[in-house]
Amino acid sequence: MAGSSIGARIRLSIELALTGANASKSLLAKQEEAGRALGMTGAEMDVARQGSSFDFETSVAVSLALNACRETHQRALRAGLSEEACAEIEFISQACRSQSDDPVPLEASFLSP
């Protein structure tokens, strides 16, 4: 995604966390395909679906997406995420939560470096 302040792996991890196991089979398949294209392991995708990550920055981003409030926003800033990244994560979280069928059509952006 041009102009994105967060990487495709973080974006996918956020979507995995927000959709968890409640995603449709077709969305799960798309997420798996996107994750593999990004070099993510099955374990990384499973952990993301549980709302965490093995990577510190990704874990902070996922935490903010799952609980977008002032406290987690400040914690993310202290952990090194930029204000722009936090705003983008909060936007993704809100968009994903407001749509029921296909959370956020981000599949194309996952495949870009």
N, C-alpha and C. Protein backbone atom coordinates (compact mmCIF):
# COMPACT_ATOMS: atom_id res chain seq x y z
N MET A 1 0.85 -1.18 0.00
CA MET A 1 0.00 0.00 0.00
C MET A 1 0.88 1.23 0.00
N ALA A 2 0.73 2.07 -0.98
CA ALA A 2 1.55 3.26 -1.09
C ALA A 2 1.24 4.20 0.06
N GLY A 3 2.27 4.73 0.68
CA GLY A 3 2.09 5.68 1.75
C GLY A 3 1.77 5.06 3.10
N SER A 4 1.78 3.76 3.20
CA SER A 4 1.47 3.10 4.46
C SER A 4 2.62 3.26 5.44
N SER A 5 2.27 3.51 6.69
CA SER A 5 3.30 3.65 7.71
C SER A 5 3.58 2.34 8.43
N ILE A 6 2.83 1.30 8.09
CA ILE A 6 3.07 -0.02 8.68
C ILE A 6 3.25 -1.03 7.56
N GLY A 7 4.03 -2.06 7.84
CA GLY A 7 4.32 -3.07 6.84
C GLY A 7 3.18 -4.04 6.61
N ALA A 8 3.28 -4.75 5.51
CA ALA A 8 2.25 -5.71 5.13
C ALA A 8 2.10 -6.84 6.15
N ARG A 9 3.21 -7.28 6.75
CA ARG A 9 3.13 -8.35 7.76
C ARG A 9 2.36 -7.88 8.99
N ILE A 10 2.59 -6.63 9.38
CA ILE A 10 1.86 -6.09 10.53
C ILE A 10 0.39 -5.94 10.18
N ARG A 11 0.10 -5.44 8.99
CA ARG A 11 -1.30 -5.28 8.55
C ARG A 11 -2.02 -6.63 8.56
N LEU A 12 -1.37 -7.65 8.04
CA LEU A 12 -1.99 -8.97 8.02
C LEU A 12 -2.15 -9.51 9.44
N SER A 13 -1.16 -9.32 10.27
CA SER A 13 -1.26 -9.78 11.67
C SER A 13 -2.43 -9.11 12.37
N ILE A 14 -2.64 -7.84 12.08
CA ILE A 14 -3.78 -7.12 12.67
C ILE A 14 -5.09 -7.73 12.17
N GLU A 15 -5.19 -7.96 10.88
CA GLU A 15 -6.42 -8.56 10.35
C GLU A 15 -6.64 -9.95 10.94
N LEU A 16 -5.59 -10.73 11.04
CA LEU A 16 -5.71 -12.07 11.63
C LEU A 16 -6.23 -11.97 13.06
N ALA A 17 -5.70 -11.03 13.82
CA ALA A 17 -6.12 -10.87 15.21
C ALA A 17 -7.57 -10.42 15.30
N LEU A 18 -7.97 -9.50 14.43
CA LEU A 18 -9.33 -8.97 14.49
C LEU A 18 -10.37 -9.97 13.99
N THR A 19 -9.99 -10.81 13.04
CA THR A 19 -10.95 -11.79 12.53
C THR A 19 -10.87 -13.11 13.29
N GLY A 20 -9.69 -13.41 13.84
CA GLY A 20 -9.51 -14.64 14.60
C GLY A 20 -10.01 -15.86 13.87
N ALA A 21 -10.67 -16.72 14.58
CA ALA A 21 -11.20 -17.95 14.00
C ALA A 21 -12.61 -17.73 13.45
N ASN A 22 -13.13 -16.51 13.57
CA ASN A 22 -14.49 -16.23 13.13
C ASN A 22 -14.60 -15.89 11.65
N ALA A 23 -13.49 -15.86 10.95
CA ALA A 23 -13.50 -15.52 9.53
C ALA A 23 -14.10 -16.66 8.71
N SER A 24 -14.64 -16.29 7.58
CA SER A 24 -15.19 -17.31 6.67
C SER A 24 -14.04 -18.15 6.13
N LYS A 25 -14.39 -19.32 5.60
CA LYS A 25 -13.35 -20.19 5.04
C LYS A 25 -12.60 -19.51 3.91
N SER A 26 -13.33 -18.76 3.09
CA SER A 26 -12.65 -18.08 1.97
C SER A 26 -11.70 -17.00 2.47
N LEU A 27 -12.09 -16.27 3.51
CA LEU A 27 -11.19 -15.25 4.06
C LEU A 27 -9.99 -15.91 4.73
N LEU A 28 -10.22 -17.00 5.46
CA LEU A 28 -9.10 -17.72 6.07
C LEU A 28 -8.11 -18.18 5.02
N ALA A 29 -8.62 -18.68 3.90
CA ALA A 29 -7.74 -19.14 2.81
C ALA A 29 -6.96 -17.97 2.23
N LYS A 30 -7.62 -16.83 2.03
CA LYS A 30 -6.93 -15.63 1.52
C LYS A 30 -5.84 -15.17 2.49
N GLN A 31 -6.17 -15.19 3.78
CA GLN A 31 -5.19 -14.78 4.79
C GLN A 31 -3.99 -15.73 4.81
N GLU A 32 -4.26 -17.03 4.73
CA GLU A 32 -3.17 -18.01 4.70
C GLU A 32 -2.28 -17.78 3.49
N GLU A 33 -2.90 -17.58 2.33
CA GLU A 33 -2.15 -17.34 1.10
C GLU A 33 -1.31 -16.07 1.21
N ALA A 34 -1.92 -15.02 1.73
CA ALA A 34 -1.20 -13.75 1.89
C ALA A 34 -0.04 -13.91 2.87
N GLY A 35 -0.28 -14.61 3.97
CA GLY A 35 0.77 -14.83 4.96
C GLY A 35 1.94 -15.60 4.39
N ARG A 36 1.64 -16.64 3.64
CA ARG A 36 2.72 -17.43 3.02
C ARG A 36 3.50 -16.58 2.01
N ALA A 37 2.79 -15.74 1.25
CA ALA A 37 3.46 -14.86 0.28
C ALA A 37 4.39 -13.87 0.98
N LEU A 38 4.05 -13.52 2.21
CA LEU A 38 4.88 -12.61 2.99
C LEU A 38 5.97 -13.33 3.78
N GLY A 39 5.99 -14.66 3.67
CA GLY A 39 7.00 -15.43 4.38
C GLY A 39 6.65 -15.74 5.82
N MET A 40 5.39 -15.59 6.19
CA MET A 40 4.97 -15.89 7.55
C MET A 40 4.79 -17.40 7.71
N THR A 41 5.17 -17.90 8.86
CA THR A 41 4.99 -19.32 9.15
C THR A 41 3.57 -19.55 9.66
N GLY A 42 3.17 -20.81 9.67
CA GLY A 42 1.88 -21.16 10.23
C GLY A 42 1.78 -20.76 11.69
N ALA A 43 2.86 -20.93 12.42
CA ALA A 43 2.87 -20.56 13.84
C ALA A 43 2.67 -19.06 14.02
N GLU A 44 3.31 -18.26 13.16
CA GLU A 44 3.14 -16.80 13.25
C GLU A 44 1.69 -16.40 12.99
N MET A 45 1.06 -17.06 12.02
CA MET A 45 -0.34 -16.75 11.72
C MET A 45 -1.26 -17.21 12.85
N ASP A 46 -0.97 -18.37 13.42
CA ASP A 46 -1.78 -18.86 14.54
C ASP A 46 -1.68 -17.93 15.74
N VAL A 47 -0.48 -17.48 16.05
CA VAL A 47 -0.28 -16.57 17.18
C VAL A 47 -0.99 -15.24 16.91
N ALA A 48 -0.93 -14.77 15.68
CA ALA A 48 -1.62 -13.52 15.33
C ALA A 48 -3.12 -13.67 15.52
N ARG A 49 -3.67 -14.82 15.14
CA ARG A 49 -5.12 -15.06 15.33
C ARG A 49 -5.49 -15.05 16.81
N GLN A 50 -4.51 -15.33 17.66
CA GLN A 50 -4.75 -15.31 19.11
C GLN A 50 -4.48 -13.93 19.71
N GLY A 51 -4.11 -12.96 18.85
CA GLY A 51 -3.93 -11.59 19.31
C GLY A 51 -2.55 -11.26 19.80
N SER A 52 -1.54 -11.95 19.30
CA SER A 52 -0.17 -11.70 19.73
C SER A 52 0.78 -11.87 18.56
N SER A 53 2.07 -11.79 18.85
CA SER A 53 3.09 -11.98 17.83
C SER A 53 4.41 -12.32 18.50
N PHE A 54 5.27 -12.99 17.77
CA PHE A 54 6.62 -13.26 18.26
C PHE A 54 7.50 -12.01 18.14
N ASP A 55 7.09 -11.08 17.27
CA ASP A 55 7.82 -9.85 17.02
C ASP A 55 7.26 -8.74 17.92
N PHE A 56 8.15 -8.02 18.61
CA PHE A 56 7.72 -6.99 19.57
C PHE A 56 6.86 -5.91 18.91
N GLU A 57 7.35 -5.33 17.81
CA GLU A 57 6.62 -4.24 17.16
C GLU A 57 5.24 -4.71 16.68
N THR A 58 5.19 -5.90 16.11
CA THR A 58 3.91 -6.44 15.64
C THR A 58 2.98 -6.70 16.82
N SER A 59 3.52 -7.19 17.92
CA SER A 59 2.72 -7.45 19.10
C SER A 59 2.09 -6.16 19.64
N VAL A 60 2.87 -5.09 19.65
CA VAL A 60 2.36 -3.79 20.11
C VAL A 60 1.26 -3.30 19.16
N ALA A 61 1.48 -3.44 17.86
CA ALA A 61 0.50 -3.01 16.87
C ALA A 61 -0.81 -3.80 17.01
N VAL A 62 -0.70 -5.11 17.18
CA VAL A 62 -1.88 -5.96 17.34
C VAL A 62 -2.62 -5.59 18.62
N SER A 63 -1.89 -5.34 19.69
CA SER A 63 -2.50 -4.93 20.95
C SER A 63 -3.30 -3.65 20.78
N LEU A 64 -2.73 -2.69 20.07
CA LEU A 64 -3.43 -1.43 19.82
C LEU A 64 -4.69 -1.67 18.98
N ALA A 65 -4.59 -2.51 17.97
CA ALA A 65 -5.75 -2.79 17.11
C ALA A 65 -6.88 -3.46 17.89
N LEU A 66 -6.52 -4.33 18.80
CA LEU A 66 -7.54 -5.05 19.58
C LEU A 66 -8.16 -4.20 20.67
N ASN A 67 -7.42 -3.19 21.14
CA ASN A 67 -7.90 -2.35 22.23
C ASN A 67 -7.48 -0.91 21.97
N ALA A 68 -8.10 -0.31 20.96
CA ALA A 68 -7.73 1.05 20.57
C ALA A 68 -8.31 2.05 21.57
N CYS A 69 -7.50 2.42 22.52
CA CYS A 69 -7.88 3.42 23.51
C CYS A 69 -6.66 4.29 23.80
N ARG A 70 -6.84 5.32 24.58
CA ARG A 70 -5.75 6.25 24.87
C ARG A 70 -4.55 5.55 25.51
N GLU A 71 -4.81 4.65 26.45
CA GLU A 71 -3.71 3.97 27.15
C GLU A 71 -2.87 3.11 26.21
N THR A 72 -3.52 2.29 25.38
CA THR A 72 -2.74 1.45 24.47
C THR A 72 -2.08 2.29 23.38
N HIS A 73 -2.71 3.41 23.01
CA HIS A 73 -2.10 4.32 22.04
C HIS A 73 -0.80 4.89 22.63
N GLN A 74 -0.85 5.35 23.86
CA GLN A 74 0.35 5.90 24.51
C GLN A 74 1.42 4.82 24.69
N ARG A 75 0.99 3.62 25.03
CA ARG A 75 1.94 2.51 25.18
C ARG A 75 2.62 2.21 23.84
N ALA A 76 1.86 2.26 22.76
CA ALA A 76 2.43 2.01 21.43
C ALA A 76 3.44 3.10 21.06
N LEU A 77 3.13 4.34 21.39
CA LEU A 77 4.08 5.43 21.12
C LEU A 77 5.37 5.23 21.92
N ARG A 78 5.23 4.88 23.19
CA ARG A 78 6.42 4.65 24.03
C ARG A 78 7.23 3.45 23.53
N ALA A 79 6.56 2.51 22.89
CA ALA A 79 7.26 1.32 22.36
C ALA A 79 7.94 1.60 21.03
N GLY A 80 7.72 2.79 20.47
CA GLY A 80 8.43 3.16 19.25
C GLY A 80 7.59 3.30 17.99
N LEU A 81 6.30 3.03 18.06
CA LEU A 81 5.46 3.24 16.89
C LEU A 81 5.23 4.74 16.71
N SER A 82 5.16 5.17 15.47
CA SER A 82 4.93 6.59 15.19
C SER A 82 3.45 6.93 15.38
N GLU A 83 3.18 8.21 15.52
CA GLU A 83 1.80 8.67 15.62
C GLU A 83 1.02 8.27 14.37
N GLU A 84 1.68 8.38 13.21
CA GLU A 84 1.06 8.01 11.94
C GLU A 84 0.71 6.51 11.93
N ALA A 85 1.62 5.67 12.40
CA ALA A 85 1.36 4.23 12.44
C ALA A 85 0.21 3.92 13.38
N CYS A 86 0.18 4.57 14.53
CA CYS A 86 -0.91 4.35 15.49
C CYS A 86 -2.26 4.74 14.88
N ALA A 87 -2.29 5.88 14.20
CA ALA A 87 -3.53 6.33 13.57
C ALA A 87 -3.98 5.33 12.50
N GLU A 88 -3.04 4.82 11.73
CA GLU A 88 -3.38 3.85 10.68
C GLU A 88 -3.90 2.55 11.30
N ILE A 89 -3.27 2.10 12.36
CA ILE A 89 -3.70 0.87 13.04
C ILE A 89 -5.11 1.06 13.60
N GLU A 90 -5.37 2.20 14.22
CA GLU A 90 -6.69 2.46 14.77
C GLU A 90 -7.75 2.54 13.66
N PHE A 91 -7.38 3.10 12.51
CA PHE A 91 -8.29 3.16 11.37
C PHE A 91 -8.61 1.75 10.87
N ILE A 92 -7.59 0.92 10.73
CA ILE A 92 -7.79 -0.46 10.28
C ILE A 92 -8.70 -1.20 11.26
N SER A 93 -8.45 -1.01 12.54
CA SER A 93 -9.25 -1.67 13.57
C SER A 93 -10.71 -1.26 13.48
N GLN A 94 -10.94 0.03 13.36
CA GLN A 94 -12.31 0.52 13.27
C GLN A 94 -12.99 0.04 12.00
N ALA A 95 -12.28 0.07 10.88
CA ALA A 95 -12.85 -0.39 9.61
C ALA A 95 -13.18 -1.87 9.66
N CYS A 96 -12.28 -2.64 10.24
CA CYS A 96 -12.47 -4.08 10.32
C CYS A 96 -13.67 -4.42 11.20
N ARG A 97 -13.82 -3.71 12.29
CA ARG A 97 -14.92 -3.97 13.21
C ARG A 97 -16.27 -3.52 12.64
N SER A 98 -16.25 -2.54 11.73
CA SER A 98 -17.51 -2.01 11.20
C SER A 98 -18.04 -2.82 10.01
N GLN A 99 -17.22 -3.70 9.46
CA GLN A 99 -17.66 -4.53 8.34
C GLN A 99 -17.84 -5.96 8.82
N SER A 100 -18.86 -6.61 8.33
CA SER A 100 -19.13 -7.96 8.83
C SER A 100 -18.58 -9.07 7.96
N ASP A 101 -18.70 -8.99 6.65
CA ASP A 101 -18.32 -10.11 5.79
C ASP A 101 -16.83 -10.15 5.48
N ASP A 102 -16.31 -9.11 4.88
CA ASP A 102 -14.91 -9.07 4.47
C ASP A 102 -14.26 -7.92 5.21
N PRO A 103 -13.64 -8.16 6.38
CA PRO A 103 -13.20 -7.12 7.29
C PRO A 103 -12.57 -5.89 6.64
N VAL A 104 -11.46 -6.03 6.04
CA VAL A 104 -10.79 -4.92 5.37
C VAL A 104 -10.16 -5.49 4.12
N PRO A 105 -10.53 -5.00 2.96
CA PRO A 105 -9.98 -5.59 1.73
C PRO A 105 -8.51 -5.21 1.55
N LEU A 106 -7.66 -5.82 2.32
CA LEU A 106 -6.24 -5.49 2.32
C LEU A 106 -5.39 -6.51 1.58
N GLU A 107 -6.02 -7.54 1.02
CA GLU A 107 -5.24 -8.63 0.44
C GLU A 107 -4.18 -8.15 -0.55
N ALA A 108 -4.52 -7.18 -1.38
CA ALA A 108 -3.56 -6.70 -2.37
C ALA A 108 -2.36 -6.06 -1.70
N SER A 109 -2.57 -5.37 -0.60
CA SER A 109 -1.45 -4.69 0.06
C SER A 109 -0.55 -5.67 0.80
N PHE A 110 -1.05 -6.86 1.12
CA PHE A 110 -0.22 -7.84 1.81
C PHE A 110 0.90 -8.34 0.91
N LEU A 111 0.64 -8.35 -0.38
CA LEU A 111 1.60 -8.91 -1.30
C LEU A 111 2.69 -7.93 -1.69
N SER A 112 2.53 -6.67 -1.32
CA SER A 112 3.58 -5.70 -1.63
C SER A 112 4.58 -5.64 -0.48
N PRO A 113 5.87 -5.42 -0.79
CA PRO A 113 6.89 -5.41 0.27
C PRO A 113 6.76 -4.25 1.20
